[in-house]
Amino acid sequence: MRDDQGWQWDDDRRQELLLQATKVACYVLMNQILFYAAMRRVFPELPPLELGAAASGEGVRLRLCERLAEARRITRDYETVFDTGLLTEVACKADGAVPSWAGLIQGVQDVDLAAYSTDLLGAIFERLLSPEERHRLGQHYTSPELADLLLAATVHDANTTVFDPASGGGTFLVRAYDRL
């Protein structure tokens, strides 16, 4: 995170920085779990995301890494979304978090995402971190109303190309898709 995001290490803020890194790691893993569940609608050959007999944080990490690698293989896309590494290790470090990860995964599996607005996942992503944390990380989201206004002014036919270089929660792209 120091190299990728320019974090400054300060021994006086060690606990704060470690907590911040852990929150970011959990945020990324939650996004991966939610995205995996959403992708099962498009790729029914993706097996349900489950932890099997994993009873430790390392067991959860290994099982999730296996499923996310399978998602990369089956979709032949989304490498950056399904990438695992140090952040996955950090998010799964505590054995005490196993029931929480299992509960999140089970809760997501039981939800029919198709029954909800296309903005649901974006709204979930936007609320996973506090406004202060999002500001500190440079995460700013376009409201659905503003996205609709911008699209009404720029998308005039089905052949329009839409580009969002910083898709965040995906609101702008989802609204563009709906409009197109």
C-alpha atoms as a PDB file:
ATOM      1  CA  MET A   1       0.000   0.000   0.000  1.00  0.00           C
ATOM      2  CA  ARG A   2       2.959   2.226   0.588  1.00  0.00           C
ATOM      3  CA  ASP A   3       4.184   1.664  -2.956  1.00  0.00           C
ATOM      4  CA  ASP A   4       0.812   1.346  -4.739  1.00  0.00           C
ATOM      5  CA  GLN A   5      -1.111   4.109  -2.972  1.00  0.00           C
ATOM      6  CA  GLY A   6       1.623   6.350  -1.643  1.00  0.00           C
ATOM      7  CA  TRP A   7       0.984   5.658   2.035  1.00  0.00           C
ATOM      8  CA  GLN A   8       3.563   7.154   4.360  1.00  0.00           C
ATOM      9  CA  TRP A   9       4.737   4.801   7.099  1.00  0.00           C
ATOM     10  CA  ASP A  10       4.951   6.445  10.472  1.00  0.00           C
ATOM     11  CA  ASP A  11       5.815   4.364  13.543  1.00  0.00           C
ATOM     12  CA  ASP A  12       3.709   6.712  15.673  1.00  0.00           C
ATOM     13  CA  ARG A  13       0.659   5.825  13.552  1.00  0.00           C
ATOM     14  CA  ARG A  14       1.470   2.112  13.200  1.00  0.00           C
ATOM     15  CA  GLN A  15      -1.799   0.835  14.719  1.00  0.00           C
ATOM     16  CA  GLU A  16      -3.893   3.296  12.721  1.00  0.00           C
ATOM     17  CA  LEU A  17      -2.142   2.346   9.472  1.00  0.00           C
ATOM     18  CA  LEU A  18      -2.491  -1.380  10.146  1.00  0.00           C
ATOM     19  CA  LEU A  19      -6.186  -0.925  10.896  1.00  0.00           C
ATOM     20  CA  GLN A  20      -6.619   1.098   7.710  1.00  0.00           C
ATOM     21  CA  ALA A  21      -4.831  -1.603   5.675  1.00  0.00           C
ATOM     22  CA  THR A  22      -7.042  -4.280   7.213  1.00  0.00           C
ATOM     23  CA  LYS A  23     -10.195  -2.316   6.390  1.00  0.00           C
ATOM     24  CA  VAL A  24      -9.091  -1.866   2.784  1.00  0.00           C
ATOM     25  CA  ALA A  25      -8.270  -5.592   2.534  1.00  0.00           C
ATOM     26  CA  CYS A  26     -11.701  -6.556   3.867  1.00  0.00           C
ATOM     27  CA  TYR A  27     -13.358  -4.036   1.543  1.00  0.00           C
ATOM     28  CA  VAL A  28     -11.595  -5.543  -1.489  1.00  0.00           C
ATOM     29  CA  LEU A  29     -12.505  -9.102  -0.472  1.00  0.00           C
ATOM     30  CA  MET A  30     -16.161  -8.121   0.110  1.00  0.00           C
ATOM     31  CA  ASN A  31     -16.220  -6.589  -3.369  1.00  0.00           C
ATOM     32  CA  GLN A  32     -14.815  -9.800  -4.829  1.00  0.00           C
ATOM     33  CA  ILE A  33     -17.438 -11.898  -3.044  1.00  0.00           C
ATOM     34  CA  LEU A  34     -20.285  -9.660  -4.213  1.00  0.00           C
ATOM     35  CA  PHE A  35     -18.955  -9.528  -7.773  1.00  0.00           C
ATOM     36  CA  TYR A  36     -18.555 -13.319  -7.840  1.00  0.00           C
ATOM     37  CA  ALA A  37     -22.189 -13.711  -6.772  1.00  0.00           C
ATOM     38  CA  ALA A  38     -23.280 -11.279  -9.490  1.00  0.00           C
ATOM     39  CA  MET A  39     -21.208 -13.072 -12.127  1.00  0.00           C
ATOM     40  CA  ARG A  40     -22.952 -16.369 -11.364  1.00  0.00           C
ATOM     41  CA  ARG A  41     -26.011 -14.883 -13.133  1.00  0.00           C
ATOM     42  CA  VAL A  42     -23.975 -14.499 -16.320  1.00  0.00           C
ATOM     43  CA  PHE A  43     -21.810 -17.604 -15.896  1.00  0.00           C
ATOM     44  CA  PRO A  44     -24.026 -20.328 -14.371  1.00  0.00           C
ATOM     45  CA  GLU A  45     -21.125 -22.779 -14.560  1.00  0.00           C
ATOM     46  CA  LEU A  46     -19.498 -20.886 -11.682  1.00  0.00           C
ATOM     47  CA  PRO A  47     -20.107 -23.013  -8.587  1.00  0.00           C
ATOM     48  CA  PRO A  48     -21.664 -21.452  -5.507  1.00  0.00           C
ATOM     49  CA  LEU A  49     -19.136 -19.648  -3.363  1.00  0.00           C
ATOM     50  CA  GLU A  50     -18.817 -21.635  -0.160  1.00  0.00           C
ATOM     51  CA  LEU A  51     -16.106 -22.259   2.392  1.00  0.00           C
ATOM     52  CA  GLY A  52     -16.516 -26.002   2.794  1.00  0.00           C
ATOM     53  CA  ALA A  53     -14.904 -27.176   6.015  1.00  0.00           C
ATOM     54  CA  ALA A  54     -12.611 -24.144   6.352  1.00  0.00           C
ATOM     55  CA  ALA A  55     -12.226 -23.465  10.072  1.00  0.00           C
ATOM     56  CA  SER A  56      -9.287 -21.062   9.986  1.00  0.00           C
ATOM     57  CA  GLY A  57      -8.513 -17.805   8.286  1.00  0.00           C
ATOM     58  CA  GLU A  58      -5.941 -19.608   6.154  1.00  0.00           C
ATOM     59  CA  GLY A  59      -8.573 -22.184   5.167  1.00  0.00           C
ATOM     60  CA  VAL A  60     -10.938 -19.375   4.134  1.00  0.00           C
ATOM     61  CA  ARG A  61      -8.156 -17.725   2.118  1.00  0.00           C
ATOM     62  CA  LEU A  62      -7.271 -20.946   0.310  1.00  0.00           C
ATOM     63  CA  ARG A  63     -10.915 -21.720  -0.527  1.00  0.00           C
ATOM     64  CA  LEU A  64     -11.645 -18.187  -1.752  1.00  0.00           C
ATOM     65  CA  CYS A  65      -8.434 -18.060  -3.800  1.00  0.00           C
ATOM     66  CA  GLU A  66      -9.421 -21.365  -5.421  1.00  0.00           C
ATOM     67  CA  ARG A  67     -12.902 -20.076  -6.332  1.00  0.00           C
ATOM     68  CA  LEU A  68     -11.648 -16.674  -7.539  1.00  0.00           C
ATOM     69  CA  ALA A  69      -9.033 -18.371  -9.742  1.00  0.00           C
ATOM     70  CA  GLU A  70     -11.816 -20.540 -11.144  1.00  0.00           C
ATOM     71  CA  ALA A  71     -13.840 -17.380 -11.868  1.00  0.00           C
ATOM     72  CA  ARG A  72     -10.896 -15.897 -13.792  1.00  0.00           C
ATOM     73  CA  ARG A  73     -10.603 -19.106 -15.797  1.00  0.00           C
ATOM     74  CA  ILE A  74     -14.320 -19.460 -16.573  1.00  0.00           C
ATOM     75  CA  THR A  75     -15.026 -15.803 -17.365  1.00  0.00           C
ATOM     76  CA  ARG A  76     -11.698 -15.300 -19.159  1.00  0.00           C
ATOM     77  CA  ASP A  77     -11.932 -11.768 -17.839  1.00  0.00           C
ATOM     78  CA  TYR A  78     -11.965  -9.687 -14.673  1.00  0.00           C
ATOM     79  CA  GLU A  79      -8.397 -10.595 -13.718  1.00  0.00           C
ATOM     80  CA  THR A  80      -8.014  -7.430 -11.669  1.00  0.00           C
ATOM     81  CA  VAL A  81     -11.337  -7.954  -9.876  1.00  0.00           C
ATOM     82  CA  PHE A  82     -10.615 -11.575  -8.962  1.00  0.00           C
ATOM     83  CA  ASP A  83      -6.906 -11.041  -8.207  1.00  0.00           C
ATOM     84  CA  THR A  84      -5.737 -12.408  -4.874  1.00  0.00           C
ATOM     85  CA  GLY A  85      -2.555 -11.654  -3.027  1.00  0.00           C
ATOM     86  CA  LEU A  86      -1.396  -9.815   0.050  1.00  0.00           C
ATOM     87  CA  LEU A  87      -4.768  -8.113   0.602  1.00  0.00           C
ATOM     88  CA  THR A  88      -6.530 -11.484   0.629  1.00  0.00           C
ATOM     89  CA  GLU A  89      -4.001 -12.726   3.173  1.00  0.00           C
ATOM     90  CA  VAL A  90      -4.612  -9.684   5.380  1.00  0.00           C
ATOM     91  CA  ALA A  91      -8.414  -9.974   5.147  1.00  0.00           C
ATOM     92  CA  CYS A  92      -8.314 -13.660   6.115  1.00  0.00           C
ATOM     93  CA  LYS A  93      -5.610 -13.452   8.774  1.00  0.00           C
ATOM     94  CA  ALA A  94      -7.814 -13.728  11.870  1.00  0.00           C
ATOM     95  CA  ASP A  95      -9.363 -17.113  12.596  1.00  0.00           C
ATOM     96  CA  GLY A  96     -12.042 -15.281  14.583  1.00  0.00           C
ATOM     97  CA  ALA A  97     -13.350 -13.705  11.366  1.00  0.00           C
ATOM     98  CA  VAL A  98     -14.255 -17.078   9.784  1.00  0.00           C
ATOM     99  CA  PRO A  99     -17.915 -16.976  10.940  1.00  0.00           C
ATOM    100  CA  SER A 100     -18.293 -13.426   9.573  1.00  0.00           C
ATOM    101  CA  TRP A 101     -16.893 -14.370   6.159  1.00  0.00           C
ATOM    102  CA  ALA A 102     -19.082 -17.494   6.111  1.00  0.00           C
ATOM    103  CA  GLY A 103     -22.130 -15.405   7.042  1.00  0.00           C
ATOM    104  CA  LEU A 104     -21.438 -12.849   4.313  1.00  0.00           C
ATOM    105  CA  ILE A 105     -20.961 -15.560   1.706  1.00  0.00           C
ATOM    106  CA  GLN A 106     -24.112 -17.404   2.768  1.00  0.00           C
ATOM    107  CA  GLY A 107     -26.100 -14.171   2.836  1.00  0.00           C
ATOM    108  CA  VAL A 108     -24.989 -13.242  -0.674  1.00  0.00           C
ATOM    109  CA  GLN A 109     -25.766 -16.730  -2.008  1.00  0.00           C
ATOM    110  CA  ASP A 110     -29.329 -16.513  -0.714  1.00  0.00           C
ATOM    111  CA  VAL A 111     -30.063 -13.195  -2.445  1.00  0.00           C
ATOM    112  CA  ASP A 112     -31.444 -13.155  -5.975  1.00  0.00           C
ATOM    113  CA  LEU A 113     -29.525 -10.149  -7.272  1.00  0.00           C
ATOM    114  CA  ALA A 114     -31.637 -10.120 -10.444  1.00  0.00           C
ATOM    115  CA  ALA A 115     -34.656  -9.131  -8.351  1.00  0.00           C
ATOM    116  CA  TYR A 116     -33.022  -5.849  -7.348  1.00  0.00           C
ATOM    117  CA  SER A 117     -32.193  -2.608  -9.118  1.00  0.00           C
ATOM    118  CA  THR A 118     -29.124  -2.669 -11.323  1.00  0.00           C
ATOM    119  CA  ASP A 119     -27.678  -0.027  -8.979  1.00  0.00           C
ATOM    120  CA  LEU A 120     -27.748  -2.386  -5.966  1.00  0.00           C
ATOM    121  CA  LEU A 121     -24.122  -3.531  -6.113  1.00  0.00           C
ATOM    122  CA  GLY A 122     -22.877   0.007  -6.686  1.00  0.00           C
ATOM    123  CA  ALA A 123     -24.882   1.214  -3.697  1.00  0.00           C
ATOM    124  CA  ILE A 124     -23.428  -1.573  -1.554  1.00  0.00           C
ATOM    125  CA  PHE A 125     -19.877  -0.767  -2.655  1.00  0.00           C
ATOM    126  CA  GLU A 126     -20.365   2.914  -1.882  1.00  0.00           C
ATOM    127  CA  ARG A 127     -21.483   2.176   1.666  1.00  0.00           C
ATOM    128  CA  LEU A 128     -18.792  -0.336   2.647  1.00  0.00           C
ATOM    129  CA  LEU A 129     -16.463   2.461   3.777  1.00  0.00           C
ATOM    130  CA  SER A 130     -17.251   5.582   5.753  1.00  0.00           C
ATOM    131  CA  PRO A 131     -17.322   8.920   3.880  1.00  0.00           C
ATOM    132  CA  GLU A 132     -14.100   9.912   5.664  1.00  0.00           C
ATOM    133  CA  GLU A 133     -12.344   6.709   4.585  1.00  0.00           C
ATOM    134  CA  ARG A 134     -13.583   7.070   1.002  1.00  0.00           C
ATOM    135  CA  HIS A 135     -12.337  10.662   0.932  1.00  0.00           C
ATOM    136  CA  ARG A 136      -8.940   9.605   2.262  1.00  0.00           C
ATOM    137  CA  LEU A 137      -8.725   6.907  -0.450  1.00  0.00           C
ATOM    138  CA  GLY A 138      -9.939   9.271  -3.171  1.00  0.00           C
ATOM    139  CA  GLN A 139     -13.152   7.330  -3.809  1.00  0.00           C
ATOM    140  CA  HIS A 140     -15.927   9.620  -4.993  1.00  0.00           C
ATOM    141  CA  TYR A 141     -19.163   8.384  -6.515  1.00  0.00           C
ATOM    142  CA  THR A 142     -21.580   9.821  -9.051  1.00  0.00           C
ATOM    143  CA  SER A 143     -25.166   9.918  -7.806  1.00  0.00           C
ATOM    144  CA  PRO A 144     -27.727   8.123 -10.013  1.00  0.00           C
ATOM    145  CA  GLU A 145     -29.498  11.442 -10.577  1.00  0.00           C
ATOM    146  CA  LEU A 146     -26.343  13.170 -11.815  1.00  0.00           C
ATOM    147  CA  ALA A 147     -25.443  10.176 -13.998  1.00  0.00           C
ATOM    148  CA  ASP A 148     -28.929  10.273 -15.563  1.00  0.00           C
ATOM    149  CA  LEU A 149     -28.606  14.010 -16.233  1.00  0.00           C
ATOM    150  CA  LEU A 150     -25.174  13.638 -17.863  1.00  0.00           C
ATOM    151  CA  LEU A 151     -26.344  10.697 -19.953  1.00  0.00           C
ATOM    152  CA  ALA A 152     -29.491  12.507 -21.087  1.00  0.00           C
ATOM    153  CA  ALA A 153     -27.276  15.321 -22.364  1.00  0.00           C
ATOM    154  CA  THR A 154     -24.770  13.061 -24.137  1.00  0.00           C
ATOM    155  CA  VAL A 155     -26.310   9.717 -25.131  1.00  0.00           C
ATOM    156  CA  HIS A 156     -28.669  10.304 -28.027  1.00  0.00           C
ATOM    157  CA  ASP A 157     -28.766   6.919 -29.778  1.00  0.00           C
ATOM    158  CA  ALA A 158     -27.897   3.252 -29.267  1.00  0.00           C
ATOM    159  CA  ASN A 159     -24.582   3.633 -31.143  1.00  0.00           C
ATOM    160  CA  THR A 160     -23.092   6.007 -28.561  1.00  0.00           C
ATOM    161  CA  THR A 161     -19.897   4.808 -26.918  1.00  0.00           C
ATOM    162  CA  VAL A 162     -19.726   5.412 -23.173  1.00  0.00           C
ATOM    163  CA  PHE A 163     -16.450   5.455 -21.261  1.00  0.00           C
ATOM    164  CA  ASP A 164     -15.996   5.799 -17.522  1.00  0.00           C
ATOM    165  CA  PRO A 165     -12.262   5.652 -16.669  1.00  0.00           C
ATOM    166  CA  ALA A 166     -12.902   5.422 -12.924  1.00  0.00           C
ATOM    167  CA  SER A 167     -15.988   3.258 -12.642  1.00  0.00           C
ATOM    168  CA  GLY A 168     -16.071   3.091  -8.812  1.00  0.00           C
ATOM    169  CA  GLY A 169     -19.380   1.512  -7.850  1.00  0.00           C
ATOM    170  CA  GLY A 170     -20.406   1.322 -11.504  1.00  0.00           C
ATOM    171  CA  THR A 171     -23.394   3.670 -11.232  1.00  0.00           C
ATOM    172  CA  PHE A 172     -22.530   5.705 -14.325  1.00  0.00           C
ATOM    173  CA  LEU A 173     -21.917   2.628 -16.486  1.00  0.00           C
ATOM    174  CA  VAL A 174     -25.000   0.801 -15.213  1.00  0.00           C
ATOM    175  CA  ARG A 175     -27.196   3.849 -15.885  1.00  0.00           C
ATOM    176  CA  ALA A 176     -25.592   4.195 -19.343  1.00  0.00           C
ATOM    177  CA  TYR A 177     -26.335   0.534 -20.052  1.00  0.00           C
ATOM    178  CA  ASP A 178     -29.970   1.036 -18.981  1.00  0.00           C
ATOM    179  CA  ARG A 179     -30.272   4.132 -21.163  1.00  0.00           C
ATOM    180  CA  LEU A 180     -28.706   2.432 -24.186  1.00  0.00           C
END
